[in-house]
C-alpha atoms as a PDB file:
ATOM      1  CA  MET A   1       0.000   0.000   0.000  1.00  0.00           C
ATOM      2  CA  ARG A   2       1.066   3.567  -0.700  1.00  0.00           C
ATOM      3  CA  GLU A   3      -0.104   6.989   0.379  1.00  0.00           C
ATOM      4  CA  PHE A   4      -0.384   9.915  -1.998  1.00  0.00           C
ATOM      5  CA  VAL A   5      -0.654  13.430  -0.575  1.00  0.00           C
ATOM      6  CA  PHE A   6      -1.373  16.514  -2.650  1.00  0.00           C
ATOM      7  CA  ALA A   7      -2.942  19.934  -2.212  1.00  0.00           C
ATOM      8  CA  LEU A   8      -5.358  22.183  -4.069  1.00  0.00           C
ATOM      9  CA  GLU A   9      -5.192  25.945  -3.675  1.00  0.00           C
ATOM     10  CA  TYR A  10      -8.451  27.774  -4.465  1.00  0.00           C
ATOM     11  CA  ASP A  11      -8.452  31.244  -5.982  1.00  0.00           C
ATOM     12  CA  PRO A  12     -10.760  33.828  -4.341  1.00  0.00           C
ATOM     13  CA  GLY A  13     -14.377  33.433  -5.369  1.00  0.00           C
ATOM     14  CA  THR A  14     -14.036  29.876  -6.681  1.00  0.00           C
ATOM     15  CA  ASN A  15     -15.018  27.956  -3.536  1.00  0.00           C
ATOM     16  CA  PRO A  16     -17.269  29.300  -0.739  1.00  0.00           C
ATOM     17  CA  VAL A  17     -15.714  27.166   2.005  1.00  0.00           C
ATOM     18  CA  ALA A  18     -12.194  28.227   1.026  1.00  0.00           C
ATOM     19  CA  ASP A  19     -13.295  31.875   1.038  1.00  0.00           C
ATOM     20  CA  VAL A  20     -14.579  31.551   4.615  1.00  0.00           C
ATOM     21  CA  LEU A  21     -11.469  29.747   5.822  1.00  0.00           C
ATOM     22  CA  ALA A  22      -9.263  32.387   4.210  1.00  0.00           C
ATOM     23  CA  THR A  23     -10.920  35.101   6.291  1.00  0.00           C
ATOM     24  CA  HIS A  24     -10.754  33.029   9.498  1.00  0.00           C
ATOM     25  CA  PRO A  25      -7.182  31.714   9.969  1.00  0.00           C
ATOM     26  CA  ASP A  26      -8.149  30.072  13.284  1.00  0.00           C
ATOM     27  CA  ALA A  27     -10.692  27.810  11.564  1.00  0.00           C
ATOM     28  CA  SER A  28     -10.077  24.488   9.825  1.00  0.00           C
ATOM     29  CA  VAL A  29     -12.036  21.537   8.428  1.00  0.00           C
ATOM     30  CA  ARG A  30     -10.977  17.893   8.719  1.00  0.00           C
ATOM     31  CA  SER A  31     -12.740  14.892   7.207  1.00  0.00           C
ATOM     32  CA  LEU A  32     -14.164  12.258   9.527  1.00  0.00           C
ATOM     33  CA  SER A  33     -15.216  10.066   6.604  1.00  0.00           C
ATOM     34  CA  CYS A  34     -15.332  10.375   2.821  1.00  0.00           C
ATOM     35  CA  HIS A  35     -16.949   7.845   0.484  1.00  0.00           C
ATOM     36  CA  VAL A  36     -17.552   7.726  -3.253  1.00  0.00           C
ATOM     37  CA  SER A  37     -19.480   5.631  -5.741  1.00  0.00           C
ATOM     38  CA  ALA A  38     -19.763   6.072  -9.484  1.00  0.00           C
ATOM     39  CA  ASP A  39     -22.952   8.105  -9.050  1.00  0.00           C
ATOM     40  CA  SER A  40     -22.569   9.907  -5.725  1.00  0.00           C
ATOM     41  CA  LEU A  41     -20.339  11.180  -2.939  1.00  0.00           C
ATOM     42  CA  TRP A  42     -21.017  11.432   0.783  1.00  0.00           C
ATOM     43  CA  ARG A  43     -18.839  12.587   3.639  1.00  0.00           C
ATOM     44  CA  VAL A  44     -18.751  13.861   7.224  1.00  0.00           C
ATOM     45  CA  ASP A  45     -16.505  16.783   8.163  1.00  0.00           C
ATOM     46  CA  LEU A  46     -15.441  18.318  11.461  1.00  0.00           C
ATOM     47  CA  ALA A  47     -14.994  22.096  11.390  1.00  0.00           C
ATOM     48  CA  THR A  48     -13.332  23.823  14.337  1.00  0.00           C
ATOM     49  CA  GLY A  49     -12.844  27.505  15.031  1.00  0.00           C
ATOM     50  CA  PRO A  50     -14.481  30.588  16.531  1.00  0.00           C
ATOM     51  CA  GLU A  51     -18.266  30.640  16.668  1.00  0.00           C
ATOM     52  CA  GLY A  52     -18.547  33.328  13.992  1.00  0.00           C
ATOM     53  CA  ALA A  53     -16.383  31.357  11.581  1.00  0.00           C
ATOM     54  CA  LEU A  54     -18.469  28.222  12.119  1.00  0.00           C
ATOM     55  CA  ALA A  55     -21.666  30.135  11.364  1.00  0.00           C
ATOM     56  CA  GLU A  56     -20.162  31.330   8.081  1.00  0.00           C
ATOM     57  CA  LEU A  57     -18.941  27.828   7.250  1.00  0.00           C
ATOM     58  CA  GLU A  58     -22.393  26.391   7.870  1.00  0.00           C
ATOM     59  CA  ALA A  59     -23.886  28.979   5.530  1.00  0.00           C
ATOM     60  CA  ALA A  60     -21.242  28.176   2.901  1.00  0.00           C
ATOM     61  CA  TYR A  61     -22.042  24.473   3.060  1.00  0.00           C
ATOM     62  CA  GLU A  62     -25.729  25.202   2.620  1.00  0.00           C
ATOM     63  CA  THR A  63     -25.443  27.584  -0.338  1.00  0.00           C
ATOM     64  CA  ALA A  64     -27.068  26.341  -3.541  1.00  0.00           C
ATOM     65  CA  ASP A  65     -23.879  27.025  -5.517  1.00  0.00           C
ATOM     66  CA  TYR A  66     -21.694  24.711  -3.430  1.00  0.00           C
ATOM     67  CA  PHE A  67     -21.603  20.927  -3.510  1.00  0.00           C
ATOM     68  CA  ALA A  68     -19.073  18.990  -1.474  1.00  0.00           C
ATOM     69  CA  ASP A  69     -15.948  18.595  -3.598  1.00  0.00           C
ATOM     70  CA  CYS A  70     -17.662  19.158  -6.955  1.00  0.00           C
ATOM     71  CA  LEU A  71     -15.026  20.634  -9.277  1.00  0.00           C
ATOM     72  CA  VAL A  72     -17.498  22.152 -11.732  1.00  0.00           C
ATOM     73  CA  LYS A  73     -17.300  25.932 -11.449  1.00  0.00           C
ATOM     74  CA  ASP A  74     -20.850  26.638 -12.655  1.00  0.00           C
ATOM     75  CA  HIS A  75     -24.070  25.259 -11.204  1.00  0.00           C
ATOM     76  CA  CYS A  76     -24.050  21.588 -12.191  1.00  0.00           C
ATOM     77  CA  GLY A  77     -27.665  20.819 -11.259  1.00  0.00           C
ATOM     78  CA  ALA A  78     -26.743  18.090  -8.785  1.00  0.00           C
ATOM     79  CA  GLU A  79     -29.079  16.942  -6.046  1.00  0.00           C
ATOM     80  CA  VAL A  80     -27.447  17.710  -2.707  1.00  0.00           C
ATOM     81  CA  GLU A  81     -28.263  17.081   0.950  1.00  0.00           C
ATOM     82  CA  THR A  82     -26.525  18.921   3.785  1.00  0.00           C
ATOM     83  CA  GLN A  83     -27.190  18.317   7.467  1.00  0.00           C
ATOM     84  CA  VAL A  84     -25.514  19.520  10.650  1.00  0.00           C
ATOM     85  CA  LEU A  85     -24.991  16.459  12.861  1.00  0.00           C
ATOM     86  CA  ASP A  86     -23.496  18.239  15.856  1.00  0.00           C
ATOM     87  CA  ARG A  87     -22.791  21.815  16.878  1.00  0.00           C
ATOM     88  CA  SER A  88     -20.983  23.522  19.757  1.00  0.00           C
ATOM     89  CA  SER A  89     -19.383  26.913  20.318  1.00  0.00           C
ATOM     90  CA  ASP A  90     -16.111  25.817  18.684  1.00  0.00           C
ATOM     91  CA  ALA A  91     -16.978  22.756  16.566  1.00  0.00           C
ATOM     92  CA  LEU A  92     -19.363  21.804  13.793  1.00  0.00           C
ATOM     93  CA  VAL A  93     -19.976  18.344  12.315  1.00  0.00           C
ATOM     94  CA  VAL A  94     -21.510  18.438   8.840  1.00  0.00           C
ATOM     95  CA  TYR A  95     -22.836  15.623   6.641  1.00  0.00           C
ATOM     96  CA  THR A  96     -23.058  16.198   2.889  1.00  0.00           C
ATOM     97  CA  TYR A  97     -24.330  13.956   0.122  1.00  0.00           C
ATOM     98  CA  TRP A  98     -24.731  14.653  -3.567  1.00  0.00           C
ATOM     99  CA  GLU A  99     -25.621  12.709  -6.671  1.00  0.00           C
ATOM    100  CA  ARG A 100     -23.693  13.374  -9.856  1.00  0.00           C
ATOM    101  CA  THR A 101     -25.083  14.799 -13.046  1.00  0.00           C
ATOM    102  CA  GLN A 102     -23.436  14.270 -16.413  1.00  0.00           C
ATOM    103  CA  VAL A 103     -21.168  17.274 -15.825  1.00  0.00           C
ATOM    104  CA  CYS A 104     -20.293  16.636 -12.162  1.00  0.00           C
ATOM    105  CA  THR A 105     -16.872  15.466 -11.092  1.00  0.00           C
ATOM    106  CA  SER A 106     -14.741  15.538  -7.943  1.00  0.00           C
ATOM    107  CA  VAL A 107     -11.368  14.453  -6.607  1.00  0.00           C
ATOM    108  CA  PRO A 108     -12.773  11.115  -5.319  1.00  0.00           C
ATOM    109  CA  HIS A 109     -14.577  10.468  -8.619  1.00  0.00           C
ATOM    110  CA  VAL A 110     -11.450  11.139 -10.688  1.00  0.00           C
ATOM    111  CA  ALA A 111      -9.562   8.869  -8.280  1.00  0.00           C
ATOM    112  CA  LEU A 112     -12.185   6.142  -8.612  1.00  0.00           C
ATOM    113  CA  GLU A 113     -12.020   6.327 -12.405  1.00  0.00           C
ATOM    114  CA  HIS A 114      -8.215   6.195 -12.622  1.00  0.00           C
ATOM    115  CA  LEU A 115      -7.086   4.414  -9.456  1.00  0.00           C
ATOM    116  CA  GLY A 116      -9.922   1.940  -8.974  1.00  0.00           C
ATOM    117  CA  GLU A 117     -11.955   0.915  -5.941  1.00  0.00           C
ATOM    118  CA  GLY A 118     -10.810   0.328  -2.368  1.00  0.00           C
ATOM    119  CA  LEU A 119      -9.349   3.803  -1.855  1.00  0.00           C
ATOM    120  CA  LEU A 120      -9.192   5.579   1.491  1.00  0.00           C
ATOM    121  CA  PHE A 121      -9.561   9.364   1.552  1.00  0.00           C
ATOM    122  CA  GLU A 122      -8.531  11.867   4.210  1.00  0.00           C
ATOM    123  CA  THR A 123      -8.738  15.654   3.847  1.00  0.00           C
ATOM    124  CA  TYR A 124      -7.732  18.763   5.741  1.00  0.00           C
ATOM    125  CA  ARG A 125      -8.637  22.368   4.888  1.00  0.00           C
ATOM    126  CA  GLU A 126      -7.082  25.544   6.221  1.00  0.00           C
ATOM    127  CA  GLY A 127      -7.171  28.888   4.440  1.00  0.00           C
ATOM    128  CA  ARG A 128      -7.440  28.393   0.694  1.00  0.00           C
ATOM    129  CA  ARG A 129      -5.396  25.195   0.862  1.00  0.00           C
ATOM    130  CA  TYR A 130      -7.181  21.840   0.604  1.00  0.00           C
ATOM    131  CA  ARG A 131      -4.955  18.850   1.348  1.00  0.00           C
ATOM    132  CA  TRP A 132      -5.844  15.333   0.258  1.00  0.00           C
ATOM    133  CA  ARG A 133      -4.371  12.015   1.362  1.00  0.00           C
ATOM    134  CA  ILE A 134      -5.280   8.884  -0.591  1.00  0.00           C
ATOM    135  CA  VAL A 135      -4.276   5.396   0.537  1.00  0.00           C
ATOM    136  CA  LEU A 136      -4.120   3.106  -2.484  1.00  0.00           C
ATOM    137  CA  GLY A 137      -2.584  -0.009  -3.995  1.00  0.00           C
ATOM    138  CA  GLY A 138       1.084  -0.152  -4.878  1.00  0.00           C
ATOM    139  CA  ASP A 139       0.573  -0.371  -8.656  1.00  0.00           C
ATOM    140  CA  ALA A 140      -2.026   2.405  -9.055  1.00  0.00           C
ATOM    141  CA  PRO A 141      -1.218   4.880 -11.886  1.00  0.00           C
ATOM    142  CA  ILE A 142      -0.673   8.012  -9.799  1.00  0.00           C
ATOM    143  CA  HIS A 143       0.618  10.270 -12.565  1.00  0.00           C
ATOM    144  CA  GLU A 144      -2.284   9.366 -14.833  1.00  0.00           C
ATOM    145  CA  PHE A 145      -4.690  10.311 -12.044  1.00  0.00           C
ATOM    146  CA  PHE A 146      -2.894  13.572 -11.259  1.00  0.00           C
ATOM    147  CA  ASP A 147      -2.843  14.634 -14.919  1.00  0.00           C
ATOM    148  CA  ALA A 148      -6.558  13.895 -15.254  1.00  0.00           C
ATOM    149  CA  LEU A 149      -7.285  15.837 -12.078  1.00  0.00           C
ATOM    150  CA  GLY A 150      -5.356  18.814 -13.437  1.00  0.00           C
ATOM    151  CA  GLU A 151      -7.589  18.861 -16.501  1.00  0.00           C
ATOM    152  CA  GLU A 152     -10.709  18.895 -14.321  1.00  0.00           C
ATOM    153  CA  VAL A 153      -9.432  21.518 -11.883  1.00  0.00           C
ATOM    154  CA  GLY A 154      -8.595  24.069 -14.572  1.00  0.00           C
ATOM    155  CA  GLU A 155      -6.913  27.422 -14.054  1.00  0.00           C
ATOM    156  CA  CYS A 156      -8.870  28.602 -10.988  1.00  0.00           C
ATOM    157  CA  THR A 157      -7.230  26.142  -8.620  1.00  0.00           C
ATOM    158  CA  GLY A 158      -3.541  25.481  -8.065  1.00  0.00           C
ATOM    159  CA  MET A 159      -2.244  21.946  -7.559  1.00  0.00           C
ATOM    160  CA  GLU A 160       0.822  20.642  -5.775  1.00  0.00           C
ATOM    161  CA  MET A 161       2.052  17.059  -5.404  1.00  0.00           C
ATOM    162  CA  LEU A 162       3.417  16.721  -1.875  1.00  0.00           C
ATOM    163  CA  ARG A 163       4.279  13.105  -1.173  1.00  0.00           C
ATOM    164  CA  LEU A 164       4.091   9.609  -2.619  1.00  0.00           C
ATOM    165  CA  THR A 165       5.496   6.980  -0.264  1.00  0.00           C
ATOM    166  CA  GLU A 166       4.976   3.465   0.953  1.00  0.00           C
ATOM    167  CA  LEU A 167       2.401   3.336   3.736  1.00  0.00           C
ATOM    168  CA  ASP A 168       4.163   3.399   7.108  1.00  0.00           C
ATOM    169  CA  PRO A 169       1.940   2.602  10.126  1.00  0.00           C
ATOM    170  CA  ASP A 170       4.378   4.489  12.346  1.00  0.00           C
ATOM    171  CA  ARG A 171       4.318   7.587  10.192  1.00  0.00           C
ATOM    172  CA  SER A 172       1.208   8.169   8.146  1.00  0.00           C
ATOM    173  CA  GLY A 173      -1.643  10.601   7.842  1.00  0.00           C
ATOM    174  CA  PHE A 174      -1.723  14.336   8.285  1.00  0.00           C
ATOM    175  CA  ASP A 175      -0.616  14.187  11.909  1.00  0.00           C
ATOM    176  CA  ALA A 176       2.731  12.827  10.789  1.00  0.00           C
ATOM    177  CA  ASP A 177       3.128  15.871   8.572  1.00  0.00           C
ATOM    178  CA  ARG A 178       2.177  18.190  11.432  1.00  0.00           C
ATOM    179  CA  GLU A 179      -1.153  19.073   9.895  1.00  0.00           C
ATOM    180  CA  GLU A 180      -2.264  20.186  13.310  1.00  0.00           C
ATOM    181  CA  SER A 181       0.902  22.174  13.959  1.00  0.00           C
ATOM    182  CA  LEU A 182       0.289  25.596  15.354  1.00  0.00           C
ATOM    183  CA  PRO A 183      -0.869  28.230  12.862  1.00  0.00           C
ATOM    184  CA  GLU A 184       1.113  31.454  12.854  1.00  0.00           C
ATOM    185  CA  GLU A 185      -1.542  33.318  14.876  1.00  0.00           C
ATOM    186  CA  GLN A 186      -1.487  30.699  17.637  1.00  0.00           C
ATOM    187  CA  ARG A 187       2.305  30.605  17.749  1.00  0.00           C
ATOM    188  CA  GLU A 188       2.436  34.400  18.053  1.00  0.00           C
ATOM    189  CA  ALA A 189      -0.134  34.349  20.855  1.00  0.00           C
ATOM    190  CA  LEU A 190       1.705  31.599  22.723  1.00  0.00           C
ATOM    191  CA  ARG A 191       5.082  33.266  22.277  1.00  0.00           C
ATOM    192  CA  ALA A 192       3.743  36.603  23.532  1.00  0.00           C
ATOM    193  CA  ALA A 193       2.085  34.911  26.505  1.00  0.00           C
ATOM    194  CA  VAL A 194       5.391  33.335  27.525  1.00  0.00           C
ATOM    195  CA  GLU A 195       7.442  36.478  26.926  1.00  0.00           C
ATOM    196  CA  HIS A 196       5.070  38.684  28.951  1.00  0.00           C
ATOM    197  CA  GLY A 197       4.774  36.256  31.857  1.00  0.00           C
ATOM    198  CA  TYR A 198       1.202  35.089  31.345  1.00  0.00           C
ATOM    199  CA  TYR A 199       2.145  31.551  32.414  1.00  0.00           C
ATOM    200  CA  GLU A 200       4.233  32.588  35.399  1.00  0.00           C
ATOM    201  CA  THR A 201       3.017  32.292  39.011  1.00  0.00           C
ATOM    202  CA  PRO A 202       1.935  34.873  39.881  1.00  0.00           C
ATOM    203  CA  ARG A 203       1.177  36.188  36.420  1.00  0.00           C
ATOM    204  CA  ARG A 204       2.988  39.285  35.248  1.00  0.00           C
ATOM    205  CA  ILE A 205       0.202  40.076  32.785  1.00  0.00           C
ATOM    206  CA  GLU A 206      -3.509  39.301  32.567  1.00  0.00           C
ATOM    207  CA  LEU A 207      -5.356  38.198  29.454  1.00  0.00           C
ATOM    208  CA  ASP A 208      -7.043  41.571  28.929  1.00  0.00           C
ATOM    209  CA  ASP A 209      -3.699  43.380  28.955  1.00  0.00           C
ATOM    210  CA  LEU A 210      -2.042  40.801  26.733  1.00  0.00           C
ATOM    211  CA  ALA A 211      -4.864  41.211  24.211  1.00  0.00           C
ATOM    212  CA  LYS A 212      -4.172  44.952  24.163  1.00  0.00           C
ATOM    213  CA  VAL A 213      -0.470  44.317  23.563  1.00  0.00           C
ATOM    214  CA  LEU A 214      -1.304  42.101  20.588  1.00  0.00           C
ATOM    215  CA  ASP A 215      -4.125  44.403  19.447  1.00  0.00           C
ATOM    216  CA  VAL A 216      -6.669  41.593  19.198  1.00  0.00           C
ATOM    217  CA  PRO A 217     -10.014  41.046  20.945  1.00  0.00           C
ATOM    218  CA  ARG A 218      -9.778  39.245  24.281  1.00  0.00           C
ATOM    219  CA  SER A 219     -12.031  36.443  23.040  1.00  0.00           C
ATOM    220  CA  THR A 220      -9.816  35.894  19.986  1.00  0.00           C
ATOM    221  CA  LEU A 221      -6.660  35.702  22.092  1.00  0.00           C
ATOM    222  CA  SER A 222      -8.314  33.339  24.564  1.00  0.00           C
ATOM    223  CA  TYR A 223      -9.401  31.048  21.734  1.00  0.00           C
ATOM    224  CA  ARG A 224      -5.931  31.021  20.145  1.00  0.00           C
ATOM    225  CA  LEU A 225      -4.232  30.178  23.427  1.00  0.00           C
ATOM    226  CA  ARG A 226      -6.710  27.403  24.210  1.00  0.00           C
ATOM    227  CA  ARG A 227      -6.208  25.843  20.776  1.00  0.00           C
ATOM    228  CA  ALA A 228      -2.429  26.089  21.076  1.00  0.00           C
ATOM    229  CA  GLU A 229      -2.436  24.616  24.571  1.00  0.00           C
ATOM    230  CA  ALA A 230      -4.669  21.741  23.467  1.00  0.00           C
ATOM    231  CA  ALA A 231      -2.400  20.920  20.514  1.00  0.00           C
ATOM    232  CA  LEU A 232       0.732  20.988  22.643  1.00  0.00           C
ATOM    233  CA  ALA A 233      -0.859  18.859  25.359  1.00  0.00           C
ATOM    234  CA  ALA A 234      -2.003  16.255  22.827  1.00  0.00           C
ATOM    235  CA  ALA A 235       1.456  16.118  21.265  1.00  0.00           C
ATOM    236  CA  PHE A 236       3.040  15.645  24.681  1.00  0.00           C
ATOM    237  CA  VAL A 237       0.682  12.849  25.719  1.00  0.00           C
ATOM    238  CA  ASP A 238       0.903  11.014  22.400  1.00  0.00           C
ATOM    239  CA  GLY A 239       4.666  11.256  22.346  1.00  0.00           C
ATOM    240  CA  GLU A 240       4.591  11.808  18.592  1.00  0.00           C
ATOM    241  CA  GLU A 241       6.192  15.240  18.543  1.00  0.00           C
ATOM    242  CA  SER A 242       8.172  17.371  20.907  1.00  0.00           C
ATOM    243  CA  ILE A 243       6.720  20.713  21.871  1.00  0.00           C
ATOM    244  CA  GLU A 244       9.579  22.436  20.078  1.00  0.00           C
ATOM    245  CA  THR A 245       8.909  20.575  16.831  1.00  0.00           C
ATOM    246  CA  LEU A 246       5.189  21.289  16.974  1.00  0.00           C
ATOM    247  CA  ALA A 247       5.675  24.995  17.611  1.00  0.00           C
ATOM    248  CA  ALA A 248       8.212  25.341  14.794  1.00  0.00           C
ATOM    249  CA  ALA A 249       6.430  23.212  12.224  1.00  0.00           C
ATOM    250  CA  GLY A 250       4.581  26.112  10.640  1.00  0.00           C
ATOM    251  CA  THR A 251       7.889  27.637   9.475  1.00  0.00           C
ATOM    252  CA  SER A 252       9.459  24.384   8.321  1.00  0.00           C
ATOM    253  CA  GLY A 253       7.442  24.084   5.104  1.00  0.00           C
ATOM    254  CA  ALA A 254       5.771  20.869   6.230  1.00  0.00           C
ATOM    255  CA  LEU A 255       2.464  19.784   4.745  1.00  0.00           C
END
């Protein structure tokens, strides 16, 4: 088995979800499941971020001009179903299902046509960047698939091939590529909190004052610190990454 990782980069105005994520750098969307047949596609996604960003993401998913992963730029006439399965102040779980028309296509459908059945899909979205990981057989024609995908994507979306390797159980998936490494905004917030003594006992600065130093709303700073702390704690417990590696990953050019 091999894993193939690549990324799409949406231009402004070509994808409603990408447009929302581009305006909310603290928000991201990760697939929980993604399935395809010749005639349809259905998936469940977990979106995390500030409450306002999640509201905009929900609206983007529900717009009549957006169908999950459909690469057709104009309205393709597909039948689509969207349903929110779970919602909290900082998370949203969304189910989407659509049936293809004669003009519909998508990354999973192009993969199905060129790579065959039995594929596993994993996706992660942040900003305008949409990263795909496909687990597939060792003899699948990757370059044929990637060329065909480029023809479907067109000029409005950039494409980048990131990795094609043998599947390694000890190092696979987006976590191995630091997909959940700290975004720049969270690293800046965490660095400022340390430098100004927010984590000292007693504290040398309170959250309100630190927010003023960074010129961001208190709620935004609180959210960024909580997300950063959660990521660092998870990395420490799992033993997969050191705190230093996680904090620096955003500047290393990793996936």
